[in-house]
Amino acid sequence: MTGLFANFTIIASLAMAAWALVHVIVNRPMSRALHSSQLVLAGLFLVLAAGGIVQLIGKQPQIPWAEFLGYLLLSPLIPIGSWWWTRGDNTRIGSAIIVVIGLVMPILVVRIQQVWAIGG
């Protein structure tokens, strides 16, 4: 579950957080592109989940599979939920929510990798 795509997902999430932080600092309303970036991040996490499930099926690791699948399947719901939450918000609070999501999602990727490493 470690690999180039997981690292790309982390970088994309941090880039989204940095972009949103600029909106917060300059007190700009959230742009449509910034708002849509949450759905792009959710799509990346769907691909990460599909890859993780394929790896889980292909290899019989001794990992807590329920926890692993829970992380994989529920992680795309976080950016989707934040997209829904910020859909009508044109203030910097909406951008601040995106900053938080952009900082939380890399931690989630690292946790998924830690759970995968248990089965080593």
PDB file of N, CA and C in Angstrom:
ATOM      1  N   MET A   1       0.823  -1.196   0.000  1.00  0.00           N
ATOM      2  CA  MET A   1       0.000   0.000   0.000  1.00  0.00           C
ATOM      3  C   MET A   1       0.857   1.246   0.000  1.00  0.00           C
ATOM      4  N   THR A   2       2.143   1.069  -0.002  1.00  0.00           N
ATOM      5  CA  THR A   2       3.011   2.229  -0.166  1.00  0.00           C
ATOM      6  C   THR A   2       3.345   2.328  -1.638  1.00  0.00           C
ATOM      7  N   GLY A   3       3.586   3.484  -2.095  1.00  0.00           N
ATOM      8  CA  GLY A   3       3.935   3.602  -3.497  1.00  0.00           C
ATOM      9  C   GLY A   3       3.795   5.009  -4.009  1.00  0.00           C
ATOM     10  N   LEU A   4       4.035   5.114  -5.285  1.00  0.00           N
ATOM     11  CA  LEU A   4       4.042   6.404  -5.951  1.00  0.00           C
ATOM     12  C   LEU A   4       2.671   7.086  -5.895  1.00  0.00           C
ATOM     13  N   PHE A   5       1.601   6.303  -6.086  1.00  0.00           N
ATOM     14  CA  PHE A   5       0.275   6.918  -6.086  1.00  0.00           C
ATOM     15  C   PHE A   5      -0.111   7.443  -4.709  1.00  0.00           C
ATOM     16  N   ALA A   6       0.251   6.717  -3.659  1.00  0.00           N
ATOM     17  CA  ALA A   6      -0.033   7.191  -2.300  1.00  0.00           C
ATOM     18  C   ALA A   6       0.713   8.498  -2.038  1.00  0.00           C
ATOM     19  N   ASN A   7       1.958   8.575  -2.491  1.00  0.00           N
ATOM     20  CA  ASN A   7       2.724   9.810  -2.327  1.00  0.00           C
ATOM     21  C   ASN A   7       2.119  10.942  -3.148  1.00  0.00           C
ATOM     22  N   PHE A   8       1.650  10.635  -4.356  1.00  0.00           N
ATOM     23  CA  PHE A   8       0.998  11.647  -5.183  1.00  0.00           C
ATOM     24  C   PHE A   8      -0.267  12.168  -4.502  1.00  0.00           C
ATOM     25  N   THR A   9      -1.014  11.283  -3.870  1.00  0.00           N
ATOM     26  CA  THR A   9      -2.232  11.685  -3.169  1.00  0.00           C
ATOM     27  C   THR A   9      -1.898  12.628  -2.017  1.00  0.00           C
ATOM     28  N   ILE A  10      -0.823  12.337  -1.303  1.00  0.00           N
ATOM     29  CA  ILE A  10      -0.387  13.217  -0.213  1.00  0.00           C
ATOM     30  C   ILE A  10      -0.011  14.586  -0.755  1.00  0.00           C
ATOM     31  N   ILE A  11       0.762  14.614  -1.831  1.00  0.00           N
ATOM     32  CA  ILE A  11       1.205  15.887  -2.413  1.00  0.00           C
ATOM     33  C   ILE A  11       0.016  16.686  -2.930  1.00  0.00           C
ATOM     34  N   ALA A  12      -0.926  16.022  -3.593  1.00  0.00           N
ATOM     35  CA  ALA A  12      -2.113  16.713  -4.105  1.00  0.00           C
ATOM     36  C   ALA A  12      -2.939  17.304  -2.971  1.00  0.00           C
ATOM     37  N   SER A  13      -3.057  16.580  -1.890  1.00  0.00           N
ATOM     38  CA  SER A  13      -3.826  17.062  -0.746  1.00  0.00           C
ATOM     39  C   SER A  13      -3.159  18.283  -0.107  1.00  0.00           C
ATOM     40  N   LEU A  14      -1.850  18.215   0.047  1.00  0.00           N
ATOM     41  CA  LEU A  14      -1.122  19.351   0.620  1.00  0.00           C
ATOM     42  C   LEU A  14      -1.150  20.564  -0.305  1.00  0.00           C
ATOM     43  N   ALA A  15      -1.118  20.320  -1.615  1.00  0.00           N
ATOM     44  CA  ALA A  15      -1.214  21.427  -2.573  1.00  0.00           C
ATOM     45  C   ALA A  15      -2.583  22.101  -2.482  1.00  0.00           C
ATOM     46  N   MET A  16      -3.627  21.296  -2.327  1.00  0.00           N
ATOM     47  CA  MET A  16      -4.966  21.853  -2.165  1.00  0.00           C
ATOM     48  C   MET A  16      -5.044  22.691  -0.885  1.00  0.00           C
ATOM     49  N   ALA A  17      -4.427  22.199   0.182  1.00  0.00           N
ATOM     50  CA  ALA A  17      -4.427  22.944   1.445  1.00  0.00           C
ATOM     51  C   ALA A  17      -3.685  24.271   1.296  1.00  0.00           C
ATOM     52  N   ALA A  18      -2.556  24.246   0.610  1.00  0.00           N
ATOM     53  CA  ALA A  18      -1.788  25.487   0.405  1.00  0.00           C
ATOM     54  C   ALA A  18      -2.575  26.487  -0.434  1.00  0.00           C
ATOM     55  N   TRP A  19      -3.235  25.999  -1.466  1.00  0.00           N
ATOM     56  CA  TRP A  19      -4.049  26.844  -2.331  1.00  0.00           C
ATOM     57  C   TRP A  19      -5.195  27.473  -1.529  1.00  0.00           C
ATOM     58  N   ALA A  20      -5.832  26.690  -0.706  1.00  0.00           N
ATOM     59  CA  ALA A  20      -6.920  27.210   0.122  1.00  0.00           C
ATOM     60  C   ALA A  20      -6.395  28.192   1.165  1.00  0.00           C
ATOM     61  N   LEU A  21      -5.198  27.928   1.691  1.00  0.00           N
ATOM     62  CA  LEU A  21      -4.612  28.838   2.680  1.00  0.00           C
ATOM     63  C   LEU A  21      -4.357  30.214   2.082  1.00  0.00           C
ATOM     64  N   VAL A  22      -3.960  30.265   0.828  1.00  0.00           N
ATOM     65  CA  VAL A  22      -3.786  31.560   0.151  1.00  0.00           C
ATOM     66  C   VAL A  22      -5.115  32.301   0.107  1.00  0.00           C
ATOM     67  N   HIS A  23      -6.195  31.591  -0.189  1.00  0.00           N
ATOM     68  CA  HIS A  23      -7.519  32.220  -0.192  1.00  0.00           C
ATOM     69  C   HIS A  23      -7.881  32.759   1.194  1.00  0.00           C
ATOM     70  N   VAL A  24      -7.528  32.020   2.230  1.00  0.00           N
ATOM     71  CA  VAL A  24      -7.833  32.465   3.595  1.00  0.00           C
ATOM     72  C   VAL A  24      -7.024  33.710   3.929  1.00  0.00           C
ATOM     73  N   ILE A  25      -5.741  33.683   3.603  1.00  0.00           N
ATOM     74  CA  ILE A  25      -4.856  34.800   3.977  1.00  0.00           C
ATOM     75  C   ILE A  25      -5.251  36.093   3.267  1.00  0.00           C
ATOM     76  N   VAL A  26      -5.549  36.017   1.967  1.00  0.00           N
ATOM     77  CA  VAL A  26      -5.886  37.238   1.234  1.00  0.00           C
ATOM     78  C   VAL A  26      -7.377  37.575   1.313  1.00  0.00           C
ATOM     79  N   ASN A  27      -8.123  36.773   2.072  1.00  0.00           N
ATOM     80  CA  ASN A  27      -9.551  36.999   2.304  1.00  0.00           C
ATOM     81  C   ASN A  27     -10.345  37.030   0.998  1.00  0.00           C
ATOM     82  N   ARG A  28     -10.024  36.088   0.118  1.00  0.00           N
ATOM     83  CA  ARG A  28     -10.754  35.947  -1.143  1.00  0.00           C
ATOM     84  C   ARG A  28     -11.857  34.916  -0.972  1.00  0.00           C
ATOM     85  N   PRO A  29     -12.971  35.125  -1.639  1.00  0.00           N
ATOM     86  CA  PRO A  29     -13.996  34.086  -1.617  1.00  0.00           C
ATOM     87  C   PRO A  29     -13.475  32.820  -2.309  1.00  0.00           C
ATOM     88  N   MET A  30     -14.007  31.719  -1.914  1.00  0.00           N
ATOM     89  CA  MET A  30     -13.583  30.446  -2.478  1.00  0.00           C
ATOM     90  C   MET A  30     -13.946  30.399  -3.964  1.00  0.00           C
ATOM     91  N   SER A  31     -12.974  30.055  -4.789  1.00  0.00           N
ATOM     92  CA  SER A  31     -13.228  29.955  -6.229  1.00  0.00           C
ATOM     93  C   SER A  31     -13.905  28.629  -6.547  1.00  0.00           C
ATOM     94  N   ARG A  32     -14.499  28.568  -7.697  1.00  0.00           N
ATOM     95  CA  ARG A  32     -15.155  27.328  -8.137  1.00  0.00           C
ATOM     96  C   ARG A  32     -14.126  26.217  -8.321  1.00  0.00           C
ATOM     97  N   ALA A  33     -12.948  26.586  -8.817  1.00  0.00           N
ATOM     98  CA  ALA A  33     -11.887  25.592  -9.016  1.00  0.00           C
ATOM     99  C   ALA A  33     -11.414  25.023  -7.679  1.00  0.00           C
ATOM    100  N   LEU A  34     -11.260  25.881  -6.688  1.00  0.00           N
ATOM    101  CA  LEU A  34     -10.849  25.409  -5.367  1.00  0.00           C
ATOM    102  C   LEU A  34     -11.920  24.497  -4.776  1.00  0.00           C
ATOM    103  N   HIS A  35     -13.159  24.890  -4.939  1.00  0.00           N
ATOM    104  CA  HIS A  35     -14.253  24.063  -4.434  1.00  0.00           C
ATOM    105  C   HIS A  35     -14.270  22.699  -5.125  1.00  0.00           C
ATOM    106  N   SER A  36     -14.053  22.684  -6.425  1.00  0.00           N
ATOM    107  CA  SER A  36     -14.048  21.427  -7.190  1.00  0.00           C
ATOM    108  C   SER A  36     -12.844  20.553  -6.861  1.00  0.00           C
ATOM    109  N   SER A  37     -11.772  21.155  -6.373  1.00  0.00           N
ATOM    110  CA  SER A  37     -10.574  20.368  -6.060  1.00  0.00           C
ATOM    111  C   SER A  37     -10.861  19.315  -4.987  1.00  0.00           C
ATOM    112  N   GLN A  38     -11.863  19.549  -4.169  1.00  0.00           N
ATOM    113  CA  GLN A  38     -12.237  18.556  -3.156  1.00  0.00           C
ATOM    114  C   GLN A  38     -12.767  17.283  -3.808  1.00  0.00           C
ATOM    115  N   LEU A  39     -13.493  17.430  -4.902  1.00  0.00           N
ATOM    116  CA  LEU A  39     -13.997  16.256  -5.614  1.00  0.00           C
ATOM    117  C   LEU A  39     -12.866  15.526  -6.327  1.00  0.00           C
ATOM    118  N   VAL A  40     -11.890  16.282  -6.810  1.00  0.00           N
ATOM    119  CA  VAL A  40     -10.714  15.651  -7.417  1.00  0.00           C
ATOM    120  C   VAL A  40      -9.982  14.827  -6.360  1.00  0.00           C
ATOM    121  N   LEU A  41      -9.834  15.393  -5.171  1.00  0.00           N
ATOM    122  CA  LEU A  41      -9.181  14.664  -4.078  1.00  0.00           C
ATOM    123  C   LEU A  41      -9.980  13.413  -3.714  1.00  0.00           C
ATOM    124  N   ALA A  42     -11.294  13.519  -3.693  1.00  0.00           N
ATOM    125  CA  ALA A  42     -12.127  12.344  -3.422  1.00  0.00           C
ATOM    126  C   ALA A  42     -11.907  11.278  -4.493  1.00  0.00           C
ATOM    127  N   GLY A  43     -11.765  11.695  -5.745  1.00  0.00           N
ATOM    128  CA  GLY A  43     -11.487  10.755  -6.825  1.00  0.00           C
ATOM    129  C   GLY A  43     -10.150  10.058  -6.646  1.00  0.00           C
ATOM    130  N   LEU A  44      -9.151  10.804  -6.195  1.00  0.00           N
ATOM    131  CA  LEU A  44      -7.842  10.198  -5.925  1.00  0.00           C
ATOM    132  C   LEU A  44      -7.962   9.150  -4.822  1.00  0.00           C
ATOM    133  N   PHE A  45      -8.743   9.442  -3.811  1.00  0.00           N
ATOM    134  CA  PHE A  45      -8.916   8.485  -2.720  1.00  0.00           C
ATOM    135  C   PHE A  45      -9.746   7.275  -3.153  1.00  0.00           C
ATOM    136  N   LEU A  46     -10.638   7.440  -4.115  1.00  0.00           N
ATOM    137  CA  LEU A  46     -11.350   6.285  -4.658  1.00  0.00           C
ATOM    138  C   LEU A  46     -10.387   5.362  -5.400  1.00  0.00           C
ATOM    139  N   VAL A  47      -9.476   5.964  -6.169  1.00  0.00           N
ATOM    140  CA  VAL A  47      -8.470   5.166  -6.872  1.00  0.00           C
ATOM    141  C   VAL A  47      -7.550   4.481  -5.866  1.00  0.00           C
ATOM    142  N   LEU A  48      -7.158   5.198  -4.819  1.00  0.00           N
ATOM    143  CA  LEU A  48      -6.321   4.608  -3.771  1.00  0.00           C
ATOM    144  C   LEU A  48      -7.044   3.441  -3.101  1.00  0.00           C
ATOM    145  N   ALA A  49      -8.340   3.603  -2.863  1.00  0.00           N
ATOM    146  CA  ALA A  49      -9.122   2.526  -2.250  1.00  0.00           C
ATOM    147  C   ALA A  49      -9.194   1.316  -3.172  1.00  0.00           C
ATOM    148  N   ALA A  50      -9.422   1.551  -4.455  1.00  0.00           N
ATOM    149  CA  ALA A  50      -9.489   0.428  -5.400  1.00  0.00           C
ATOM    150  C   ALA A  50      -8.149  -0.306  -5.449  1.00  0.00           C
ATOM    151  N   GLY A  51      -7.053   0.441  -5.480  1.00  0.00           N
ATOM    152  CA  GLY A  51      -5.734  -0.182  -5.493  1.00  0.00           C
ATOM    153  C   GLY A  51      -5.459  -0.966  -4.223  1.00  0.00           C
ATOM    154  N   GLY A  52      -5.873  -0.431  -3.097  1.00  0.00           N
ATOM    155  CA  GLY A  52      -5.676  -1.124  -1.827  1.00  0.00           C
ATOM    156  C   GLY A  52      -6.469  -2.412  -1.749  1.00  0.00           C
ATOM    157  N   ILE A  53      -7.691  -2.382  -2.268  1.00  0.00           N
ATOM    158  CA  ILE A  53      -8.522  -3.592  -2.251  1.00  0.00           C
ATOM    159  C   ILE A  53      -7.929  -4.651  -3.173  1.00  0.00           C
ATOM    160  N   VAL A  54      -7.436  -4.230  -4.335  1.00  0.00           N
ATOM    161  CA  VAL A  54      -6.800  -5.182  -5.250  1.00  0.00           C
ATOM    162  C   VAL A  54      -5.566  -5.801  -4.596  1.00  0.00           C
ATOM    163  N   GLN A  55      -4.766  -4.979  -3.917  1.00  0.00           N
ATOM    164  CA  GLN A  55      -3.581  -5.507  -3.236  1.00  0.00           C
ATOM    165  C   GLN A  55      -3.978  -6.454  -2.110  1.00  0.00           C
ATOM    166  N   LEU A  56      -5.063  -6.139  -1.426  1.00  0.00           N
ATOM    167  CA  LEU A  56      -5.523  -6.998  -0.335  1.00  0.00           C
ATOM    168  C   LEU A  56      -5.975  -8.360  -0.861  1.00  0.00           C
ATOM    169  N   ILE A  57      -6.625  -8.363  -2.017  1.00  0.00           N
ATOM    170  CA  ILE A  57      -7.087  -9.619  -2.607  1.00  0.00           C
ATOM    171  C   ILE A  57      -5.902 -10.413  -3.162  1.00  0.00           C
ATOM    172  N   GLY A  58      -4.973  -9.712  -3.806  1.00  0.00           N
ATOM    173  CA  GLY A  58      -3.849 -10.393  -4.426  1.00  0.00           C
ATOM    174  C   GLY A  58      -2.860 -10.977  -3.442  1.00  0.00           C
ATOM    175  N   LYS A  59      -2.783 -10.405  -2.270  1.00  0.00           N
ATOM    176  CA  LYS A  59      -1.844 -10.864  -1.250  1.00  0.00           C
ATOM    177  C   LYS A  59      -2.658 -11.150  -0.002  1.00  0.00           C
ATOM    178  N   GLN A  60      -2.344 -12.182   0.686  1.00  0.00           N
ATOM    179  CA  GLN A  60      -3.074 -12.501   1.907  1.00  0.00           C
ATOM    180  C   GLN A  60      -2.275 -12.031   3.117  1.00  0.00           C
ATOM    181  N   PRO A  61      -2.214 -10.727   3.320  1.00  0.00           N
ATOM    182  CA  PRO A  61      -1.435 -10.235   4.454  1.00  0.00           C
ATOM    183  C   PRO A  61      -2.155 -10.489   5.777  1.00  0.00           C
ATOM    184  N   GLN A  62      -1.398 -10.536   6.812  1.00  0.00           N
ATOM    185  CA  GLN A  62      -1.957 -10.726   8.150  1.00  0.00           C
ATOM    186  C   GLN A  62      -2.199  -9.345   8.779  1.00  0.00           C
ATOM    187  N   ILE A  63      -3.103  -8.617   8.191  1.00  0.00           N
ATOM    188  CA  ILE A  63      -3.413  -7.285   8.687  1.00  0.00           C
ATOM    189  C   ILE A  63      -4.831  -7.277   9.240  1.00  0.00           C
ATOM    190  N   PRO A  64      -5.150  -6.281  10.050  1.00  0.00           N
ATOM    191  CA  PRO A  64      -6.551  -6.135  10.465  1.00  0.00           C
ATOM    192  C   PRO A  64      -7.377  -5.643   9.270  1.00  0.00           C
ATOM    193  N   TRP A  65      -7.900  -6.573   8.497  1.00  0.00           N
ATOM    194  CA  TRP A  65      -8.523  -6.231   7.229  1.00  0.00           C
ATOM    195  C   TRP A  65      -9.758  -5.362   7.383  1.00  0.00           C
ATOM    196  N   ALA A  66     -10.499  -5.508   8.471  1.00  0.00           N
ATOM    197  CA  ALA A  66     -11.690  -4.667   8.664  1.00  0.00           C
ATOM    198  C   ALA A  66     -11.286  -3.210   8.865  1.00  0.00           C
ATOM    199  N   GLU A  67     -10.239  -2.990   9.638  1.00  0.00           N
ATOM    200  CA  GLU A  67      -9.751  -1.624   9.847  1.00  0.00           C
ATOM    201  C   GLU A  67      -9.214  -1.048   8.538  1.00  0.00           C
ATOM    202  N   PHE A  68      -8.458  -1.873   7.816  1.00  0.00           N
ATOM    203  CA  PHE A  68      -7.877  -1.443   6.545  1.00  0.00           C
ATOM    204  C   PHE A  68      -8.966  -1.069   5.545  1.00  0.00           C
ATOM    205  N   LEU A  69      -9.958  -1.943   5.390  1.00  0.00           N
ATOM    206  CA  LEU A  69     -11.056  -1.656   4.468  1.00  0.00           C
ATOM    207  C   LEU A  69     -11.880  -0.454   4.935  1.00  0.00           C
ATOM    208  N   GLY A  70     -12.046  -0.314   6.225  1.00  0.00           N
ATOM    209  CA  GLY A  70     -12.765   0.847   6.748  1.00  0.00           C
ATOM    210  C   GLY A  70     -12.090   2.154   6.368  1.00  0.00           C
ATOM    211  N   TYR A  71     -10.788   2.205   6.569  1.00  0.00           N
ATOM    212  CA  TYR A  71     -10.040   3.400   6.165  1.00  0.00           C
ATOM    213  C   TYR A  71     -10.163   3.648   4.671  1.00  0.00           C
ATOM    214  N   LEU A  72      -9.987   2.593   3.881  1.00  0.00           N
ATOM    215  CA  LEU A  72     -10.017   2.752   2.426  1.00  0.00           C
ATOM    216  C   LEU A  72     -11.377   3.205   1.918  1.00  0.00           C
ATOM    217  N   LEU A  73     -12.435   2.597   2.432  1.00  0.00           N
ATOM    218  CA  LEU A  73     -13.761   2.880   1.901  1.00  0.00           C
ATOM    219  C   LEU A  73     -14.363   4.180   2.437  1.00  0.00           C
ATOM    220  N   LEU A  74     -13.984   4.561   3.644  1.00  0.00           N
ATOM    221  CA  LEU A  74     -14.560   5.781   4.221  1.00  0.00           C
ATOM    222  C   LEU A  74     -13.753   7.041   3.909  1.00  0.00           C
ATOM    223  N   SER A  75     -12.490   6.887   3.539  1.00  0.00           N
ATOM    224  CA  SER A  75     -11.650   8.067   3.288  1.00  0.00           C
ATOM    225  C   SER A  75     -12.159   8.966   2.160  1.00  0.00           C
ATOM    226  N   PRO A  76     -12.732   8.451   1.065  1.00  0.00           N
ATOM    227  CA  PRO A  76     -13.253   9.374   0.052  1.00  0.00           C
ATOM    228  C   PRO A  76     -14.445  10.194   0.537  1.00  0.00           C
ATOM    229  N   LEU A  77     -15.114   9.731   1.581  1.00  0.00           N
ATOM    230  CA  LEU A  77     -16.284  10.464   2.071  1.00  0.00           C
ATOM    231  C   LEU A  77     -15.913  11.775   2.759  1.00  0.00           C
ATOM    232  N   ILE A  78     -14.683  11.884   3.234  1.00  0.00           N
ATOM    233  CA  ILE A  78     -14.275  13.110   3.932  1.00  0.00           C
ATOM    234  C   ILE A  78     -14.231  14.296   2.965  1.00  0.00           C
ATOM    235  N   PRO A  79     -13.501  14.219   1.829  1.00  0.00           N
ATOM    236  CA  PRO A  79     -13.547  15.365   0.919  1.00  0.00           C
ATOM    237  C   PRO A  79     -14.916  15.577   0.275  1.00  0.00           C
ATOM    238  N   ILE A  80     -15.680  14.503   0.095  1.00  0.00           N
ATOM    239  CA  ILE A  80     -17.038  14.681  -0.443  1.00  0.00           C
ATOM    240  C   ILE A  80     -17.904  15.431   0.573  1.00  0.00           C
ATOM    241  N   GLY A  81     -17.769  15.069   1.840  1.00  0.00           N
ATOM    242  CA  GLY A  81     -18.505  15.778   2.886  1.00  0.00           C
ATOM    243  C   GLY A  81     -18.115  17.231   3.002  1.00  0.00           C
ATOM    244  N   SER A  82     -16.822  17.515   2.882  1.00  0.00           N
ATOM    245  CA  SER A  82     -16.394  18.917   2.950  1.00  0.00           C
ATOM    246  C   SER A  82     -16.860  19.692   1.717  1.00  0.00           C
ATOM    247  N   TRP A  83     -16.913  19.022   0.556  1.00  0.00           N
ATOM    248  CA  TRP A  83     -17.438  19.673  -0.640  1.00  0.00           C
ATOM    249  C   TRP A  83     -18.902  20.062  -0.409  1.00  0.00           C
ATOM    250  N   TRP A  84     -19.664  19.124   0.152  1.00  0.00           N
ATOM    251  CA  TRP A  84     -21.075  19.398   0.411  1.00  0.00           C
ATOM    252  C   TRP A  84     -21.231  20.520   1.432  1.00  0.00           C
ATOM    253  N   TRP A  85     -20.375  20.507   2.458  1.00  0.00           N
ATOM    254  CA  TRP A  85     -20.442  21.500   3.522  1.00  0.00           C
ATOM    255  C   TRP A  85     -20.128  22.896   2.994  1.00  0.00           C
ATOM    256  N   THR A  86     -19.176  22.997   2.079  1.00  0.00           N
ATOM    257  CA  THR A  86     -18.734  24.311   1.608  1.00  0.00           C
ATOM    258  C   THR A  86     -19.395  24.744   0.312  1.00  0.00           C
ATOM    259  N   ARG A  87     -20.356  23.995  -0.185  1.00  0.00           N
ATOM    260  CA  ARG A  87     -20.912  24.280  -1.503  1.00  0.00           C
ATOM    261  C   ARG A  87     -21.579  25.647  -1.611  1.00  0.00           C
ATOM    262  N   GLY A  88     -22.132  26.181  -0.561  1.00  0.00           N
ATOM    263  CA  GLY A  88     -22.776  27.478  -0.644  1.00  0.00           C
ATOM    264  C   GLY A  88     -22.029  28.568   0.105  1.00  0.00           C
ATOM    265  N   ASP A  89     -20.797  28.287   0.484  1.00  0.00           N
ATOM    266  CA  ASP A  89     -20.047  29.222   1.319  1.00  0.00           C
ATOM    267  C   ASP A  89     -19.086  30.043   0.473  1.00  0.00           C
ATOM    268  N   ASN A  90     -19.265  31.347   0.466  1.00  0.00           N
ATOM    269  CA  ASN A  90     -18.373  32.222  -0.273  1.00  0.00           C
ATOM    270  C   ASN A  90     -17.476  33.037   0.652  1.00  0.00           C
ATOM    271  N   THR A  91     -17.315  32.597   1.867  1.00  0.00           N
ATOM    272  CA  THR A  91     -16.470  33.309   2.812  1.00  0.00           C
ATOM    273  C   THR A  91     -15.149  32.563   2.965  1.00  0.00           C
ATOM    274  N   ARG A  92     -14.273  33.131   3.780  1.00  0.00           N
ATOM    275  CA  ARG A  92     -13.000  32.459   4.000  1.00  0.00           C
ATOM    276  C   ARG A  92     -13.139  31.254   4.920  1.00  0.00           C
ATOM    277  N   ILE A  93     -14.272  31.101   5.573  1.00  0.00           N
ATOM    278  CA  ILE A  93     -14.503  29.909   6.398  1.00  0.00           C
ATOM    279  C   ILE A  93     -14.522  28.660   5.512  1.00  0.00           C
ATOM    280  N   GLY A  94     -15.138  28.742   4.347  1.00  0.00           N
ATOM    281  CA  GLY A  94     -15.140  27.619   3.418  1.00  0.00           C
ATOM    282  C   GLY A  94     -13.732  27.243   2.999  1.00  0.00           C
ATOM    283  N   SER A  95     -12.911  28.239   2.737  1.00  0.00           N
ATOM    284  CA  SER A  95     -11.511  27.979   2.378  1.00  0.00           C
ATOM    285  C   SER A  95     -10.759  27.387   3.555  1.00  0.00           C
ATOM    286  N   ALA A  96     -11.067  27.841   4.762  1.00  0.00           N
ATOM    287  CA  ALA A  96     -10.402  27.295   5.953  1.00  0.00           C
ATOM    288  C   ALA A  96     -10.765  25.829   6.158  1.00  0.00           C
ATOM    289  N   ILE A  97     -11.992  25.464   5.852  1.00  0.00           N
ATOM    290  CA  ILE A  97     -12.399  24.056   5.949  1.00  0.00           C
ATOM    291  C   ILE A  97     -11.576  23.221   4.971  1.00  0.00           C
ATOM    292  N   ILE A  98     -11.343  23.744   3.786  1.00  0.00           N
ATOM    293  CA  ILE A  98     -10.541  23.023   2.792  1.00  0.00           C
ATOM    294  C   ILE A  98      -9.099  22.893   3.263  1.00  0.00           C
ATOM    295  N   VAL A  99      -8.580  23.917   3.942  1.00  0.00           N
ATOM    296  CA  VAL A  99      -7.224  23.814   4.503  1.00  0.00           C
ATOM    297  C   VAL A  99      -7.160  22.642   5.476  1.00  0.00           C
ATOM    298  N   VAL A 100      -8.130  22.551   6.353  1.00  0.00           N
ATOM    299  CA  VAL A 100      -8.139  21.473   7.346  1.00  0.00           C
ATOM    300  C   VAL A 100      -8.228  20.111   6.657  1.00  0.00           C
ATOM    301  N   ILE A 101      -9.103  19.983   5.689  1.00  0.00           N
ATOM    302  CA  ILE A 101      -9.241  18.712   4.968  1.00  0.00           C
ATOM    303  C   ILE A 101      -7.939  18.375   4.247  1.00  0.00           C
ATOM    304  N   GLY A 102      -7.316  19.377   3.647  1.00  0.00           N
ATOM    305  CA  GLY A 102      -6.054  19.153   2.950  1.00  0.00           C
ATOM    306  C   GLY A 102      -4.925  18.726   3.866  1.00  0.00           C
ATOM    307  N   LEU A 103      -5.007  19.071   5.142  1.00  0.00           N
ATOM    308  CA  LEU A 103      -3.988  18.653   6.104  1.00  0.00           C
ATOM    309  C   LEU A 103      -4.319  17.321   6.772  1.00  0.00           C
ATOM    310  N   VAL A 104      -5.593  16.991   6.852  1.00  0.00           N
ATOM    311  CA  VAL A 104      -6.006  15.732   7.485  1.00  0.00           C
ATOM    312  C   VAL A 104      -5.808  14.543   6.549  1.00  0.00           C
ATOM    313  N   MET A 105      -6.072  14.716   5.281  1.00  0.00           N
ATOM    314  CA  MET A 105      -6.035  13.592   4.353  1.00  0.00           C
ATOM    315  C   MET A 105      -4.645  12.953   4.220  1.00  0.00           C
ATOM    316  N   PRO A 106      -3.540  13.708   4.215  1.00  0.00           N
ATOM    317  CA  PRO A 106      -2.235  13.033   4.189  1.00  0.00           C
ATOM    318  C   PRO A 106      -1.987  12.178   5.431  1.00  0.00           C
ATOM    319  N   ILE A 107      -2.491  12.626   6.560  1.00  0.00           N
ATOM    320  CA  ILE A 107      -2.355  11.834   7.786  1.00  0.00           C
ATOM    321  C   ILE A 107      -3.120  10.523   7.630  1.00  0.00           C
ATOM    322  N   LEU A 108      -4.257  10.578   6.975  1.00  0.00           N
ATOM    323  CA  LEU A 108      -5.041   9.374   6.737  1.00  0.00           C
ATOM    324  C   LEU A 108      -4.300   8.409   5.811  1.00  0.00           C
ATOM    325  N   VAL A 109      -3.631   8.939   4.791  1.00  0.00           N
ATOM    326  CA  VAL A 109      -2.848   8.076   3.898  1.00  0.00           C
ATOM    327  C   VAL A 109      -1.729   7.388   4.680  1.00  0.00           C
ATOM    328  N   VAL A 110      -1.053   8.141   5.531  1.00  0.00           N
ATOM    329  CA  VAL A 110       0.020   7.552   6.342  1.00  0.00           C
ATOM    330  C   VAL A 110      -0.546   6.471   7.258  1.00  0.00           C
ATOM    331  N   ARG A 111      -1.717   6.691   7.830  1.00  0.00           N
ATOM    332  CA  ARG A 111      -2.327   5.682   8.702  1.00  0.00           C
ATOM    333  C   ARG A 111      -2.701   4.424   7.910  1.00  0.00           C
ATOM    334  N   ILE A 112      -3.214   4.605   6.709  1.00  0.00           N
ATOM    335  CA  ILE A 112      -3.519   3.451   5.860  1.00  0.00           C
ATOM    336  C   ILE A 112      -2.247   2.665   5.585  1.00  0.00           C
ATOM    337  N   GLN A 113      -1.162   3.369   5.320  1.00  0.00           N
ATOM    338  CA  GLN A 113       0.115   2.697   5.072  1.00  0.00           C
ATOM    339  C   GLN A 113       0.620   1.982   6.322  1.00  0.00           C
ATOM    340  N   GLN A 114       0.387   2.555   7.486  1.00  0.00           N
ATOM    341  CA  GLN A 114       0.808   1.901   8.738  1.00  0.00           C
ATOM    342  C   GLN A 114       0.034   0.606   8.961  1.00  0.00           C
ATOM    343  N   VAL A 115      -1.258   0.633   8.706  1.00  0.00           N
ATOM    344  CA  VAL A 115      -2.067  -0.570   8.873  1.00  0.00           C
ATOM    345  C   VAL A 115      -1.615  -1.633   7.878  1.00  0.00           C
ATOM    346  N   TRP A 116      -1.293  -1.239   6.662  1.00  0.00           N
ATOM    347  CA  TRP A 116      -0.821  -2.184   5.661  1.00  0.00           C
ATOM    348  C   TRP A 116       0.518  -2.787   6.070  1.00  0.00           C
ATOM    349  N   ALA A 117       1.373  -1.965   6.670  1.00  0.00           N
ATOM    350  CA  ALA A 117       2.710  -2.440   7.058  1.00  0.00           C
ATOM    351  C   ALA A 117       2.662  -3.493   8.177  1.00  0.00           C
ATOM    352  N   ILE A 118       1.576  -3.538   8.922  1.00  0.00           N
ATOM    353  CA  ILE A 118       1.430  -4.539   9.980  1.00  0.00           C
ATOM    354  C   ILE A 118       1.524  -5.944   9.376  1.00  0.00           C
ATOM    355  N   GLY A 119       0.931  -6.109   8.188  1.00  0.00           N
ATOM    356  CA  GLY A 119       0.953  -7.422   7.545  1.00  0.00           C
ATOM    357  C   GLY A 119       2.248  -7.725   6.823  1.00  0.00           C
ATOM    358  N   GLY A 120       3.090  -6.689   6.664  1.00  0.00           N
ATOM    359  CA  GLY A 120       4.404  -6.748   6.074  1.00  0.00           C
ATOM    360  C   GLY A 120       4.691  -7.860   5.242  1.00  0.00           C
TER     361      GLY A 120
END
